[in-house]
Every structure is written in C-alpha cells, then in structure tokens.
Amino acid sequence: MKIALQYVNDVNGNTQAVQLPVSEWEKILNKLKKYEQALKLKSDLKEAFEQVEALKQIKGHKQTLKEFINEL
C-alpha cells in the first residue's frame, strides 16, 4: 500500500508530525480494527484451551453441559 504522506518539520528540520489523506487514515483504522478483533479472538481461544486443560486435571465430579444449562 503506497500512501501519499506529508511530513511536518519544526524550525530545526526535525519531523514533528505526518499527514495523510483521510481516506487512507480510514483504511488504516479499519485494518487496525480487524487486527484487534483477531487478536482478541486468539486471546479468548487461548484462555478457553487453558481452562479446558485445567478442568481435565480436576478429579471427582465434573459438571456436564446439561447440568450447567439447568443451573441457568
């Protein structure tokens, strides 16, 4: 993706900011949102698998899905 950027420099020539077209900014925000959603899903799945592994280690009575739903 090639973006037409403009750099804003201070009196000493140091870059202080970058400007880009609003349409490009919106594309970047949309991609960022998708990446955040994917990262959240990955994190949630990792936590779920860790919980399953922890439950497998528990000895004794394990609650069935039917028992869980009946409690709701």
PDB file of N, CA and C in Angstrom:
ATOM      1  N   MET A   1       0.851  -1.165   0.000  1.00  0.00           N
ATOM      2  CA  MET A   1       0.000   0.000   0.000  1.00  0.00           C
ATOM      3  C   MET A   1       0.900   1.232   0.000  1.00  0.00           C
ATOM      4  N   LYS A   2       0.773   2.054  -1.016  1.00  0.00           N
ATOM      5  CA  LYS A   2       1.555   3.275  -1.108  1.00  0.00           C
ATOM      6  C   LYS A   2       0.666   4.440  -0.702  1.00  0.00           C
ATOM      7  N   ILE A   3       1.128   5.211   0.265  1.00  0.00           N
ATOM      8  CA  ILE A   3       0.347   6.318   0.808  1.00  0.00           C
ATOM      9  C   ILE A   3       1.105   7.617   0.572  1.00  0.00           C
ATOM     10  N   ALA A   4       0.381   8.627   0.131  1.00  0.00           N
ATOM     11  CA  ALA A   4       0.981   9.949  -0.067  1.00  0.00           C
ATOM     12  C   ALA A   4       1.083  10.644   1.292  1.00  0.00           C
ATOM     13  N   LEU A   5       2.270  10.623   1.865  1.00  0.00           N
ATOM     14  CA  LEU A   5       2.492  11.226   3.179  1.00  0.00           C
ATOM     15  C   LEU A   5       3.121  12.602   3.034  1.00  0.00           C
ATOM     16  N   GLN A   6       2.819  13.455   3.998  1.00  0.00           N
ATOM     17  CA  GLN A   6       3.470  14.758   4.106  1.00  0.00           C
ATOM     18  C   GLN A   6       4.026  14.852   5.516  1.00  0.00           C
ATOM     19  N   TYR A   7       5.269  15.293   5.611  1.00  0.00           N
ATOM     20  CA  TYR A   7       5.917  15.410   6.913  1.00  0.00           C
ATOM     21  C   TYR A   7       5.932  16.864   7.348  1.00  0.00           C
ATOM     22  N   VAL A   8       5.669  17.086   8.625  1.00  0.00           N
ATOM     23  CA  VAL A   8       5.689  18.424   9.208  1.00  0.00           C
ATOM     24  C   VAL A   8       6.937  18.515  10.072  1.00  0.00           C
ATOM     25  N   ASN A   9       7.794  19.484   9.750  1.00  0.00           N
ATOM     26  CA  ASN A   9       9.058  19.648  10.471  1.00  0.00           C
ATOM     27  C   ASN A   9       9.049  20.933  11.287  1.00  0.00           C
ATOM     28  N   ASP A  10       9.821  20.929  12.373  1.00  0.00           N
ATOM     29  CA  ASP A  10       9.981  22.145  13.156  1.00  0.00           C
ATOM     30  C   ASP A  10      11.052  23.022  12.512  1.00  0.00           C
ATOM     31  N   VAL A  11      11.360  24.145  13.132  1.00  0.00           N
ATOM     32  CA  VAL A  11      12.322  25.094  12.561  1.00  0.00           C
ATOM     33  C   VAL A  11      13.717  24.487  12.436  1.00  0.00           C
ATOM     34  N   ASN A  12      14.011  23.438  13.199  1.00  0.00           N
ATOM     35  CA  ASN A  12      15.312  22.785  13.135  1.00  0.00           C
ATOM     36  C   ASN A  12      15.342  21.635  12.132  1.00  0.00           C
ATOM     37  N   GLY A  13      14.213  21.389  11.472  1.00  0.00           N
ATOM     38  CA  GLY A  13      14.157  20.324  10.483  1.00  0.00           C
ATOM     39  C   GLY A  13      13.789  18.963  11.046  1.00  0.00           C
ATOM     40  N   ASN A  14      13.478  18.903  12.331  1.00  0.00           N
ATOM     41  CA  ASN A  14      13.078  17.638  12.959  1.00  0.00           C
ATOM     42  C   ASN A  14      11.616  17.341  12.646  1.00  0.00           C
ATOM     43  N   THR A  15      11.344  16.111  12.235  1.00  0.00           N
ATOM     44  CA  THR A  15       9.975  15.719  11.920  1.00  0.00           C
ATOM     45  C   THR A  15       9.131  15.730  13.194  1.00  0.00           C
ATOM     46  N   GLN A  16       8.019  16.419  13.132  1.00  0.00           N
ATOM     47  CA  GLN A  16       7.117  16.545  14.271  1.00  0.00           C
ATOM     48  C   GLN A  16       5.795  15.824  14.064  1.00  0.00           C
ATOM     49  N   ALA A  17       5.394  15.645  12.807  1.00  0.00           N
ATOM     50  CA  ALA A  17       4.095  15.022  12.522  1.00  0.00           C
ATOM     51  C   ALA A  17       4.096  14.489  11.097  1.00  0.00           C
ATOM     52  N   VAL A  18       3.110  13.645  10.839  1.00  0.00           N
ATOM     53  CA  VAL A  18       2.905  13.099   9.492  1.00  0.00           C
ATOM     54  C   VAL A  18       1.445  13.330   9.128  1.00  0.00           C
ATOM     55  N   GLN A  19       1.220  13.772   7.916  1.00  0.00           N
ATOM     56  CA  GLN A  19      -0.143  13.970   7.434  1.00  0.00           C
ATOM     57  C   GLN A  19      -0.405  12.976   6.315  1.00  0.00           C
ATOM     58  N   LEU A  20      -1.638  12.469   6.265  1.00  0.00           N
ATOM     59  CA  LEU A  20      -2.029  11.567   5.196  1.00  0.00           C
ATOM     60  C   LEU A  20      -3.493  11.825   4.866  1.00  0.00           C
ATOM     61  N   PRO A  21      -3.919  11.446   3.680  1.00  0.00           N
ATOM     62  CA  PRO A  21      -5.316  11.655   3.298  1.00  0.00           C
ATOM     63  C   PRO A  21      -6.267  10.917   4.241  1.00  0.00           C
ATOM     64  N   VAL A  22      -7.422  11.516   4.470  1.00  0.00           N
ATOM     65  CA  VAL A  22      -8.420  10.934   5.375  1.00  0.00           C
ATOM     66  C   VAL A  22      -8.838   9.545   4.890  1.00  0.00           C
ATOM     67  N   SER A  23      -8.968   9.363   3.591  1.00  0.00           N
ATOM     68  CA  SER A  23      -9.381   8.059   3.071  1.00  0.00           C
ATOM     69  C   SER A  23      -8.356   6.981   3.448  1.00  0.00           C
ATOM     70  N   GLU A  24      -7.077   7.325   3.396  1.00  0.00           N
ATOM     71  CA  GLU A  24      -6.037   6.372   3.791  1.00  0.00           C
ATOM     72  C   GLU A  24      -6.085   6.107   5.291  1.00  0.00           C
ATOM     73  N   TRP A  25      -6.323   7.147   6.076  1.00  0.00           N
ATOM     74  CA  TRP A  25      -6.425   7.003   7.530  1.00  0.00           C
ATOM     75  C   TRP A  25      -7.572   6.059   7.877  1.00  0.00           C
ATOM     76  N   GLU A  26      -8.695   6.199   7.196  1.00  0.00           N
ATOM     77  CA  GLU A  26      -9.845   5.332   7.459  1.00  0.00           C
ATOM     78  C   GLU A  26      -9.527   3.872   7.110  1.00  0.00           C
ATOM     79  N   LYS A  27      -8.783   3.659   6.026  1.00  0.00           N
ATOM     80  CA  LYS A  27      -8.378   2.299   5.670  1.00  0.00           C
ATOM     81  C   LYS A  27      -7.491   1.698   6.763  1.00  0.00           C
ATOM     82  N   ILE A  28      -6.571   2.510   7.264  1.00  0.00           N
ATOM     83  CA  ILE A  28      -5.670   2.047   8.329  1.00  0.00           C
ATOM     84  C   ILE A  28      -6.468   1.706   9.584  1.00  0.00           C
ATOM     85  N   LEU A  29      -7.425   2.559   9.935  1.00  0.00           N
ATOM     86  CA  LEU A  29      -8.251   2.294  11.121  1.00  0.00           C
ATOM     87  C   LEU A  29      -9.056   1.013  10.961  1.00  0.00           C
ATOM     88  N   ASN A  30      -9.583   0.763   9.765  1.00  0.00           N
ATOM     89  CA  ASN A  30     -10.348  -0.469   9.519  1.00  0.00           C
ATOM     90  C   ASN A  30      -9.459  -1.695   9.659  1.00  0.00           C
ATOM     91  N   LYS A  31      -8.249  -1.632   9.112  1.00  0.00           N
ATOM     92  CA  LYS A  31      -7.323  -2.756   9.251  1.00  0.00           C
ATOM     93  C   LYS A  31      -6.952  -2.974  10.711  1.00  0.00           C
ATOM     94  N   LEU A  32      -6.711  -1.894  11.419  1.00  0.00           N
ATOM     95  CA  LEU A  32      -6.367  -1.991  12.838  1.00  0.00           C
ATOM     96  C   LEU A  32      -7.501  -2.646  13.622  1.00  0.00           C
ATOM     97  N   LYS A  33      -8.734  -2.266  13.307  1.00  0.00           N
ATOM     98  CA  LYS A  33      -9.889  -2.858  13.991  1.00  0.00           C
ATOM     99  C   LYS A  33      -9.948  -4.369  13.742  1.00  0.00           C
ATOM    100  N   LYS A  34      -9.696  -4.781  12.498  1.00  0.00           N
ATOM    101  CA  LYS A  34      -9.713  -6.210  12.171  1.00  0.00           C
ATOM    102  C   LYS A  34      -8.603  -6.956  12.900  1.00  0.00           C
ATOM    103  N   TYR A  35      -7.407  -6.352  12.964  1.00  0.00           N
ATOM    104  CA  TYR A  35      -6.301  -6.977  13.690  1.00  0.00           C
ATOM    105  C   TYR A  35      -6.615  -7.090  15.181  1.00  0.00           C
ATOM    106  N   GLU A  36      -7.232  -6.058  15.747  1.00  0.00           N
ATOM    107  CA  GLU A  36      -7.599  -6.100  17.167  1.00  0.00           C
ATOM    108  C   GLU A  36      -8.620  -7.201  17.428  1.00  0.00           C
ATOM    109  N   GLN A  37      -9.600  -7.354  16.521  1.00  0.00           N
ATOM    110  CA  GLN A  37     -10.606  -8.401  16.677  1.00  0.00           C
ATOM    111  C   GLN A  37      -9.971  -9.782  16.589  1.00  0.00           C
ATOM    112  N   ALA A  38      -9.045  -9.952  15.657  1.00  0.00           N
ATOM    113  CA  ALA A  38      -8.364 -11.241  15.509  1.00  0.00           C
ATOM    114  C   ALA A  38      -7.521 -11.547  16.744  1.00  0.00           C
ATOM    115  N   LEU A  39      -6.847 -10.536  17.259  1.00  0.00           N
ATOM    116  CA  LEU A  39      -6.032 -10.723  18.463  1.00  0.00           C
ATOM    117  C   LEU A  39      -6.907 -11.073  19.662  1.00  0.00           C
ATOM    118  N   LYS A  40      -8.054 -10.440  19.786  1.00  0.00           N
ATOM    119  CA  LYS A  40      -8.983 -10.734  20.888  1.00  0.00           C
ATOM    120  C   LYS A  40      -9.488 -12.175  20.768  1.00  0.00           C
ATOM    121  N   LEU A  41      -9.851 -12.589  19.566  1.00  0.00           N
ATOM    122  CA  LEU A  41     -10.317 -13.960  19.351  1.00  0.00           C
ATOM    123  C   LEU A  41      -9.220 -14.955  19.707  1.00  0.00           C
ATOM    124  N   LYS A  42      -8.006 -14.678  19.275  1.00  0.00           N
ATOM    125  CA  LYS A  42      -6.886 -15.566  19.583  1.00  0.00           C
ATOM    126  C   LYS A  42      -6.666 -15.656  21.087  1.00  0.00           C
ATOM    127  N   SER A  43      -6.738 -14.525  21.756  1.00  0.00           N
ATOM    128  CA  SER A  43      -6.561 -14.494  23.209  1.00  0.00           C
ATOM    129  C   SER A  43      -7.667 -15.275  23.916  1.00  0.00           C
ATOM    130  N   ASP A  44      -8.904 -15.085  23.470  1.00  0.00           N
ATOM    131  CA  ASP A  44     -10.036 -15.791  24.072  1.00  0.00           C
ATOM    132  C   ASP A  44      -9.923 -17.303  23.864  1.00  0.00           C
ATOM    133  N   LEU A  45      -9.505 -17.711  22.664  1.00  0.00           N
ATOM    134  CA  LEU A  45      -9.340 -19.139  22.394  1.00  0.00           C
ATOM    135  C   LEU A  45      -8.224 -19.733  23.246  1.00  0.00           C
ATOM    136  N   LYS A  46      -7.143 -19.004  23.400  1.00  0.00           N
ATOM    137  CA  LYS A  46      -6.031 -19.484  24.225  1.00  0.00           C
ATOM    138  C   LYS A  46      -6.507 -19.684  25.665  1.00  0.00           C
ATOM    139  N   GLU A  47      -7.257 -18.710  26.175  1.00  0.00           N
ATOM    140  CA  GLU A  47      -7.775 -18.823  27.537  1.00  0.00           C
ATOM    141  C   GLU A  47      -8.726 -20.007  27.663  1.00  0.00           C
ATOM    142  N   ALA A  48      -9.570 -20.220  26.661  1.00  0.00           N
ATOM    143  CA  ALA A  48     -10.517 -21.335  26.704  1.00  0.00           C
ATOM    144  C   ALA A  48      -9.786 -22.674  26.736  1.00  0.00           C
ATOM    145  N   PHE A  49      -8.751 -22.827  25.903  1.00  0.00           N
ATOM    146  CA  PHE A  49      -7.987 -24.078  25.892  1.00  0.00           C
ATOM    147  C   PHE A  49      -7.262 -24.289  27.217  1.00  0.00           C
ATOM    148  N   GLU A  50      -6.766 -23.207  27.813  1.00  0.00           N
ATOM    149  CA  GLU A  50      -6.114 -23.323  29.124  1.00  0.00           C
ATOM    150  C   GLU A  50      -7.117 -23.775  30.182  1.00  0.00           C
ATOM    151  N   GLN A  51      -8.341 -23.255  30.110  1.00  0.00           N
ATOM    152  CA  GLN A  51      -9.370 -23.657  31.064  1.00  0.00           C
ATOM    153  C   GLN A  51      -9.756 -25.117  30.875  1.00  0.00           C
ATOM    154  N   VAL A  52      -9.829 -25.561  29.634  1.00  0.00           N
ATOM    155  CA  VAL A  52     -10.140 -26.961  29.365  1.00  0.00           C
ATOM    156  C   VAL A  52      -9.062 -27.854  29.942  1.00  0.00           C
ATOM    157  N   GLU A  53      -7.801 -27.490  29.749  1.00  0.00           N
ATOM    158  CA  GLU A  53      -6.701 -28.277  30.302  1.00  0.00           C
ATOM    159  C   GLU A  53      -6.768 -28.309  31.830  1.00  0.00           C
ATOM    160  N   ALA A  54      -7.099 -27.182  32.442  1.00  0.00           N
ATOM    161  CA  ALA A  54      -7.209 -27.132  33.900  1.00  0.00           C
ATOM    162  C   ALA A  54      -8.349 -28.024  34.379  1.00  0.00           C
ATOM    163  N   LEU A  55      -9.450 -28.021  33.662  1.00  0.00           N
ATOM    164  CA  LEU A  55     -10.594 -28.860  34.039  1.00  0.00           C
ATOM    165  C   LEU A  55     -10.275 -30.344  33.899  1.00  0.00           C
ATOM    166  N   LYS A  56      -9.447 -30.679  32.919  1.00  0.00           N
ATOM    167  CA  LYS A  56      -9.066 -32.079  32.738  1.00  0.00           C
ATOM    168  C   LYS A  56      -8.263 -32.592  33.933  1.00  0.00           C
ATOM    169  N   GLN A  57      -7.589 -31.706  34.624  1.00  0.00           N
ATOM    170  CA  GLN A  57      -6.756 -32.094  35.756  1.00  0.00           C
ATOM    171  C   GLN A  57      -7.564 -32.301  37.042  1.00  0.00           C
ATOM    172  N   ILE A  58      -8.790 -31.801  37.064  1.00  0.00           N
ATOM    173  CA  ILE A  58      -9.619 -31.894  38.268  1.00  0.00           C
ATOM    174  C   ILE A  58     -10.156 -33.316  38.403  1.00  0.00           C
ATOM    175  N   LYS A  59      -9.986 -33.853  39.592  1.00  0.00           N
ATOM    176  CA  LYS A  59     -10.522 -35.193  39.873  1.00  0.00           C
ATOM    177  C   LYS A  59     -11.888 -35.034  40.539  1.00  0.00           C
ATOM    178  N   GLY A  60     -12.686 -36.053  40.465  1.00  0.00           N
ATOM    179  CA  GLY A  60     -14.010 -36.008  41.089  1.00  0.00           C
ATOM    180  C   GLY A  60     -15.077 -35.688  40.057  1.00  0.00           C
ATOM    181  N   HIS A  61     -16.240 -35.254  40.568  1.00  0.00           N
ATOM    182  CA  HIS A  61     -17.392 -34.994  39.708  1.00  0.00           C
ATOM    183  C   HIS A  61     -17.130 -33.772  38.827  1.00  0.00           C
ATOM    184  N   LYS A  62     -17.382 -33.965  37.543  1.00  0.00           N
ATOM    185  CA  LYS A  62     -17.284 -32.863  36.599  1.00  0.00           C
ATOM    186  C   LYS A  62     -18.687 -32.549  36.108  1.00  0.00           C
ATOM    187  N   GLN A  63     -19.009 -31.290  36.101  1.00  0.00           N
ATOM    188  CA  GLN A  63     -20.336 -30.862  35.698  1.00  0.00           C
ATOM    189  C   GLN A  63     -20.526 -31.080  34.195  1.00  0.00           C
ATOM    190  N   THR A  64     -21.670 -31.657  33.854  1.00  0.00           N
ATOM    191  CA  THR A  64     -21.985 -31.865  32.441  1.00  0.00           C
ATOM    192  C   THR A  64     -22.565 -30.591  31.863  1.00  0.00           C
ATOM    193  N   LEU A  65     -22.615 -30.530  30.541  1.00  0.00           N
ATOM    194  CA  LEU A  65     -23.214 -29.377  29.888  1.00  0.00           C
ATOM    195  C   LEU A  65     -24.683 -29.263  30.267  1.00  0.00           C
ATOM    196  N   LYS A  66     -25.360 -30.370  30.345  1.00  0.00           N
ATOM    197  CA  LYS A  66     -26.777 -30.358  30.717  1.00  0.00           C
ATOM    198  C   LYS A  66     -26.963 -29.796  32.127  1.00  0.00           C
ATOM    199  N   GLU A  67     -26.112 -30.206  33.073  1.00  0.00           N
ATOM    200  CA  GLU A  67     -26.192 -29.677  34.432  1.00  0.00           C
ATOM    201  C   GLU A  67     -25.912 -28.167  34.442  1.00  0.00           C
ATOM    202  N   PHE A  68     -24.965 -27.752  33.661  1.00  0.00           N
ATOM    203  CA  PHE A  68     -24.624 -26.331  33.590  1.00  0.00           C
ATOM    204  C   PHE A  68     -25.794 -25.532  33.065  1.00  0.00           C
ATOM    205  N   ILE A  69     -26.408 -26.007  31.988  1.00  0.00           N
ATOM    206  CA  ILE A  69     -27.541 -25.294  31.391  1.00  0.00           C
ATOM    207  C   ILE A  69     -28.725 -25.273  32.341  1.00  0.00           C
ATOM    208  N   ASN A  70     -28.957 -26.352  33.063  1.00  0.00           N
ATOM    209  CA  ASN A  70     -30.072 -26.406  34.013  1.00  0.00           C
ATOM    210  C   ASN A  70     -29.902 -25.403  35.152  1.00  0.00           C
ATOM    211  N   GLU A  71     -28.644 -25.056  35.462  1.00  0.00           N
ATOM    212  CA  GLU A  71     -28.393 -24.066  36.521  1.00  0.00           C
ATOM    213  C   GLU A  71     -28.754 -22.656  36.085  1.00  0.00           C
ATOM    214  N   LEU A  72     -28.776 -22.443  34.766  1.00  0.00           N
ATOM    215  CA  LEU A  72     -29.086 -21.113  34.250  1.00  0.00           C
ATOM    216  C   LEU A  72     -30.530 -20.867  34.423  1.00  0.00           C
TER     217      LEU A  72
END
